[in-house]
Amino acid sequence: PSQPDGQPMPTFRDVAQHFGEAIAAGHDAAAFELLTPEAQALYTPESLKAAVATMTPTAPGGIQEVQVMEEGIVEDWPAKQPGDVASVYVALTGVGFAEAVTVTVVQRDGNLLIRHLDWGRP
């Protein structure tokens, strides 16, 4: 399927990758826009920035690479809620560190959004 502008519809992998890239680039407002309204009630763009800063306090150059880990994609899990599409592990790496954020992507009104964030490696 495609969007009205002819672009392909984003997949849950795309949403997870875009979120990781946005926080890596310091585009906290863009990352915030990928959250469900419920998640937006829990986080602010500033709290997203603070979460990244907590994970990478001494990292020179910040996050250098964002990668959706195929082996970290789960489409069926015990805590899955109605509308949930996938839980996606996104590796966030840079000089001297390897961190991650796991995002739960949900289908909501025809859009894929992030319902839950779990910061750090398991």
Protein backbone atom coordinates (compact mmCIF):
# COMPACT_ATOMS: atom_id res chain seq x y z
CA PRO A 1 0.00 0.00 0.00
CA SER A 2 1.01 3.60 -0.50
CA GLN A 3 0.31 6.96 1.02
CA PRO A 4 -1.65 9.74 -0.77
CA ASP A 5 1.66 11.25 -1.98
CA GLY A 6 2.54 7.94 -3.64
CA GLN A 7 5.23 7.06 -1.10
CA PRO A 8 5.11 3.50 0.26
CA MET A 9 3.50 3.10 3.65
CA PRO A 10 6.11 2.89 6.39
CA THR A 11 6.63 -0.52 8.00
CA PHE A 12 7.14 -1.10 11.72
CA ARG A 13 10.86 -1.45 10.91
CA ASP A 14 10.80 2.00 9.27
CA VAL A 15 9.09 3.57 12.29
CA ALA A 16 11.65 2.05 14.69
CA GLN A 17 14.56 3.14 12.45
CA HIS A 18 13.18 6.69 12.08
CA PHE A 19 12.76 6.98 15.85
CA GLY A 20 16.35 5.86 16.44
CA GLU A 21 17.69 8.19 13.77
CA ALA A 22 15.71 11.13 15.16
CA ILE A 23 17.01 10.70 18.71
CA ALA A 24 20.55 10.10 17.41
CA ALA A 25 20.39 13.37 15.44
CA GLY A 26 18.96 15.29 18.39
CA HIS A 27 15.64 15.77 16.61
CA ASP A 28 13.69 15.08 19.78
CA ALA A 29 10.49 16.73 18.53
CA ALA A 30 10.49 14.48 15.44
CA ALA A 31 11.00 11.42 17.65
CA PHE A 32 8.17 12.62 19.91
CA GLU A 33 5.81 12.81 16.90
CA LEU A 34 6.25 9.05 16.36
CA LEU A 35 4.71 8.29 19.77
CA THR A 36 1.07 7.49 20.47
CA PRO A 37 -0.88 10.15 22.39
CA GLU A 38 -0.62 7.91 25.48
CA ALA A 39 3.16 7.71 25.15
CA GLN A 40 3.29 11.46 24.53
CA ALA A 41 1.60 11.88 27.91
CA LEU A 42 4.51 9.99 29.52
CA TYR A 43 7.38 11.58 27.59
CA THR A 44 8.32 15.01 26.32
CA PRO A 45 10.90 15.85 23.66
CA GLU A 46 13.09 16.97 26.57
CA SER A 47 12.70 13.67 28.43
CA LEU A 48 13.65 11.76 25.26
CA LYS A 49 16.80 13.89 25.02
CA ALA A 50 17.53 13.26 28.71
CA ALA A 51 17.13 9.47 28.29
CA VAL A 52 19.67 9.47 25.46
CA ALA A 53 22.05 11.67 27.47
CA THR A 54 21.82 9.26 30.41
CA MET A 55 22.80 6.34 28.18
CA THR A 56 25.65 8.19 26.45
CA PRO A 57 27.09 10.63 29.03
CA THR A 58 30.74 10.33 28.01
CA ALA A 59 30.32 9.29 24.38
CA PRO A 60 32.39 11.50 22.08
CA GLY A 61 30.27 12.28 19.03
CA GLY A 62 27.10 10.71 20.43
CA ILE A 63 25.22 7.98 18.61
CA GLN A 64 26.98 7.18 15.33
CA GLU A 65 24.89 4.27 14.08
CA VAL A 66 21.23 3.28 14.39
CA GLN A 67 20.26 -0.21 13.33
CA VAL A 68 17.08 -2.24 13.62
CA MET A 69 18.25 -5.68 14.69
CA GLU A 70 16.32 -8.34 12.76
CA GLU A 71 16.93 -10.89 15.53
CA GLY A 72 15.43 -8.35 17.95
CA ILE A 73 12.05 -8.19 16.22
CA VAL A 74 9.25 -9.99 18.05
CA GLU A 75 5.74 -10.15 16.59
CA ASP A 76 4.15 -12.31 19.28
CA TRP A 77 4.92 -11.99 23.00
CA PRO A 78 3.09 -12.56 26.30
CA ALA A 79 2.39 -8.86 27.05
CA LYS A 80 1.20 -8.07 23.50
CA GLN A 81 -1.83 -5.78 23.54
CA PRO A 82 -4.58 -5.34 20.92
CA GLY A 83 -3.21 -3.32 18.01
CA ASP A 84 0.43 -4.09 18.80
CA VAL A 85 2.34 -4.99 15.64
CA ALA A 86 5.88 -5.68 16.85
CA SER A 87 8.47 -5.11 19.52
CA VAL A 88 11.63 -3.87 17.79
CA TYR A 89 15.16 -3.72 19.23
CA VAL A 90 17.09 -0.75 17.85
CA ALA A 91 20.85 -0.73 18.42
CA LEU A 92 22.35 2.70 19.18
CA THR A 93 26.14 2.64 18.92
CA GLY A 94 28.99 5.11 18.95
CA VAL A 95 32.60 5.49 19.99
CA GLY A 96 33.08 3.35 23.10
CA PHE A 97 29.46 2.37 23.73
CA ALA A 98 26.65 0.12 22.52
CA GLU A 99 23.17 0.91 23.79
CA ALA A 100 19.65 0.31 22.54
CA VAL A 101 16.02 1.21 22.72
CA THR A 102 13.26 -1.35 22.28
CA VAL A 103 10.09 0.15 20.85
CA THR A 104 6.61 -1.35 20.78
CA VAL A 105 4.92 -0.37 17.52
CA VAL A 106 1.14 -0.27 17.41
CA GLN A 107 -1.36 0.18 14.55
CA ARG A 108 -3.56 3.16 15.40
CA ASP A 109 -6.06 4.78 13.01
CA GLY A 110 -4.15 3.54 9.98
CA ASN A 111 -0.81 4.78 11.31
CA LEU A 112 2.09 2.96 12.90
CA LEU A 113 3.16 4.66 16.12
CA ILE A 114 5.29 3.81 19.12
CA ARG A 115 3.32 2.83 22.22
CA HIS A 116 6.16 1.95 24.57
CA LEU A 117 9.90 2.60 24.97
CA ASP A 118 12.33 0.44 26.87
CA TRP A 119 15.72 2.17 27.10
CA GLY A 120 19.00 0.28 27.30
CA ARG A 121 20.15 -3.19 26.52
CA PRO A 122 18.29 -6.10 28.12
